[in-house]
Amino acid sequence: MHAACTTRVRKRGLSLFLKGTVPFSLAIGAVLFLAPGAPAGEVTLPDGVVVKKVDFERHIMGLLGKAGCNGGSCHGSFQGKGGLRFSLFGYDPEKDYFALTRDVQGRRIDRSNPDGSLVLLKATGQVKHEGLTRFGPNSWSYRLFREWLIQGAAAS
């Protein structure tokens, strides 16, 4: 299978020029290589601890609790809020992981564009959120959540 290409792209210090027909796998590979992506890194917490591998249960659940997201007056209520329902005070991390990553076709997170994830847009007030702003886009909380998404949003 071949794809017709006439494009010139410069990204990551490399220049790619495809003209005519090229094998489809080469065209797809070039698109994936040149697609925007954020490099994985580390996050420094307020107490100076450096987190290299973000863990859902340890870090993200803690962040949801600190921000009040899984409290009784928010998404932790028995009805949830705005279609998102967490376990009250995070007693069921497996359920909360599913709600955040898989429920409603996984539309709350975007691994390929973490900054475009609905959960981060709402938490930072960039998209209307009944719970108002929970943390800023330059905060350690944002960086921690974003890093978890960059690392693949794993359950553990």
Protein backbone atom coordinates (compact mmCIF):
# COMPACT_ATOMS: atom_id res chain seq x y z
CA MET A 1 0.00 0.00 0.00
CA HIS A 2 1.33 3.46 -0.90
CA ALA A 3 0.47 7.00 0.12
CA ALA A 4 0.80 10.12 -2.00
CA CYS A 5 2.94 12.72 -0.24
CA THR A 6 4.27 16.14 -1.01
CA THR A 7 5.33 17.69 2.23
CA ARG A 8 8.28 19.20 3.98
CA VAL A 9 8.38 19.19 7.74
CA ARG A 10 11.06 20.38 10.12
CA LYS A 11 10.81 19.22 13.69
CA ARG A 12 13.17 18.09 16.43
CA GLY A 13 16.11 19.34 14.37
CA LEU A 14 15.29 17.01 11.48
CA SER A 15 13.97 17.82 8.06
CA LEU A 16 11.70 15.43 6.20
CA PHE A 17 10.77 15.82 2.57
CA LEU A 18 8.44 13.31 0.96
CA LYS A 19 7.36 13.64 -2.66
CA GLY A 20 5.44 11.27 -4.86
CA THR A 21 4.30 7.93 -3.51
CA VAL A 22 5.95 6.27 -0.57
CA PRO A 23 5.14 3.06 1.27
CA PHE A 24 2.19 3.65 3.56
CA SER A 25 4.16 2.40 6.58
CA LEU A 26 6.86 5.04 5.94
CA ALA A 27 4.25 7.80 5.72
CA ILE A 28 2.59 6.68 8.96
CA GLY A 29 5.96 6.31 10.69
CA ALA A 30 6.94 9.84 9.67
CA VAL A 31 3.65 11.23 10.98
CA LEU A 32 4.04 9.43 14.31
CA PHE A 33 7.68 10.50 14.68
CA LEU A 34 6.93 14.12 13.89
CA ALA A 35 3.69 14.32 15.87
CA PRO A 36 3.73 16.74 18.78
CA GLY A 37 4.61 15.15 22.05
CA ALA A 38 5.96 16.22 25.37
CA PRO A 39 9.05 14.56 26.71
CA ALA A 40 8.63 12.70 29.97
CA GLY A 41 10.36 14.27 32.91
CA GLU A 42 10.17 14.61 36.63
CA VAL A 43 8.17 16.75 39.02
CA THR A 44 9.46 18.44 42.15
CA LEU A 45 6.89 18.51 44.95
CA PRO A 46 6.63 21.40 47.45
CA ASP A 47 8.61 19.44 50.06
CA GLY A 48 11.51 19.01 47.61
CA VAL A 49 10.84 15.36 46.78
CA VAL A 50 11.42 14.62 43.10
CA VAL A 51 8.90 12.28 41.48
CA LYS A 52 10.25 10.46 38.43
CA LYS A 53 7.51 7.84 38.02
CA VAL A 54 4.00 9.08 38.79
CA ASP A 55 1.80 6.43 40.44
CA PHE A 56 -1.98 6.71 40.16
CA GLU A 57 -2.86 5.46 43.62
CA ARG A 58 -0.07 7.24 45.45
CA HIS A 59 0.17 10.53 43.57
CA ILE A 60 -2.98 11.12 41.49
CA MET A 61 -5.41 9.86 44.14
CA GLY A 62 -3.61 12.04 46.69
CA LEU A 63 -3.88 15.01 44.35
CA LEU A 64 -7.63 14.42 43.81
CA GLY A 65 -8.07 14.31 47.60
CA LYS A 66 -5.99 17.44 48.20
CA ALA A 67 -7.97 19.34 45.57
CA GLY A 68 -11.25 18.13 47.11
CA CYS A 69 -12.40 16.38 43.95
CA ASN A 70 -13.42 13.16 45.72
CA GLY A 71 -15.18 14.88 48.62
CA GLY A 72 -18.87 14.48 49.41
CA SER A 73 -19.80 17.88 47.97
CA CYS A 74 -18.03 17.19 44.69
CA HIS A 75 -17.40 14.14 42.50
CA GLY A 76 -17.26 11.89 45.59
CA SER A 77 -20.98 12.33 46.31
CA PHE A 78 -23.20 9.32 45.69
CA GLN A 79 -24.49 11.04 42.52
CA GLY A 80 -21.17 12.48 41.41
CA LYS A 81 -21.07 15.85 39.65
CA GLY A 82 -21.22 16.70 35.97
CA GLY A 83 -21.27 13.03 34.97
CA LEU A 84 -18.07 12.17 36.87
CA ARG A 85 -18.33 10.05 39.99
CA PHE A 86 -15.40 9.15 42.24
CA SER A 87 -15.45 6.98 45.33
CA LEU A 88 -15.91 9.05 48.48
CA PHE A 89 -12.47 10.17 49.70
CA GLY A 90 -10.78 7.74 47.30
CA TYR A 91 -11.68 4.47 49.04
CA ASP A 92 -11.84 2.64 45.68
CA PRO A 93 -8.85 3.65 43.48
CA GLU A 94 -9.69 1.03 40.84
CA LYS A 95 -13.15 2.49 40.33
CA ASP A 96 -11.75 6.02 40.28
CA TYR A 97 -9.13 5.06 37.70
CA PHE A 98 -11.86 3.63 35.48
CA ALA A 99 -14.02 6.75 35.92
CA LEU A 100 -11.14 9.01 34.97
CA THR A 101 -9.60 7.05 32.12
CA ARG A 102 -12.24 4.77 30.58
CA ASP A 103 -15.70 6.12 31.43
CA VAL A 104 -17.45 8.05 28.61
CA GLN A 105 -15.02 6.64 26.04
CA GLY A 106 -12.01 8.04 27.90
CA ARG A 107 -12.79 11.62 26.90
CA ARG A 108 -11.50 13.08 30.17
CA ILE A 109 -7.84 12.42 29.42
CA ASP A 110 -5.70 12.82 26.32
CA ARG A 111 -2.39 10.97 26.51
CA SER A 112 -1.19 12.40 23.19
CA ASN A 113 -1.98 15.99 24.19
CA PRO A 114 -1.96 16.16 28.01
CA ASP A 115 -2.58 19.93 28.07
CA GLY A 116 -5.80 19.33 26.11
CA SER A 117 -7.13 16.81 28.63
CA LEU A 118 -10.58 17.77 29.88
CA VAL A 119 -9.62 16.96 33.45
CA LEU A 120 -6.73 19.48 33.36
CA LEU A 121 -8.70 22.10 31.45
CA LYS A 122 -11.49 21.98 34.05
CA ALA A 123 -9.20 21.84 37.08
CA THR A 124 -7.36 24.95 35.88
CA GLY A 125 -10.50 26.88 34.98
CA GLN A 126 -9.78 26.95 31.25
CA VAL A 127 -13.11 25.19 30.66
CA LYS A 128 -16.25 25.84 32.71
CA HIS A 129 -16.20 23.79 35.90
CA GLU A 130 -18.76 23.98 38.70
CA GLY A 131 -15.96 23.23 41.16
CA LEU A 132 -14.10 26.35 39.99
CA THR A 133 -10.32 26.39 39.69
CA ARG A 134 -8.60 23.66 41.73
CA PHE A 135 -4.99 24.45 40.74
CA GLY A 136 -3.11 26.62 38.27
CA PRO A 137 -1.45 25.57 35.00
CA ASN A 138 1.98 26.42 36.42
CA SER A 139 1.50 24.57 39.71
CA TRP A 140 3.22 21.41 40.87
CA SER A 141 -0.22 19.75 40.95
CA TYR A 142 -0.70 20.43 37.24
CA ARG A 143 2.81 19.25 36.40
CA LEU A 144 2.28 16.04 38.40
CA PHE A 145 -1.04 15.22 36.72
CA ARG A 146 0.38 16.13 33.30
CA GLU A 147 3.43 13.96 33.85
CA TRP A 148 1.18 11.01 34.74
CA LEU A 149 -0.58 11.48 31.39
CA ILE A 150 2.73 11.75 29.51
CA GLN A 151 3.91 8.54 31.17
CA GLY A 152 0.85 6.73 29.81
CA ALA A 153 -1.72 7.23 32.59
CA ALA A 154 -1.05 3.80 34.06
CA ALA A 155 -3.10 2.39 36.92
CA SER A 156 0.02 1.78 39.01
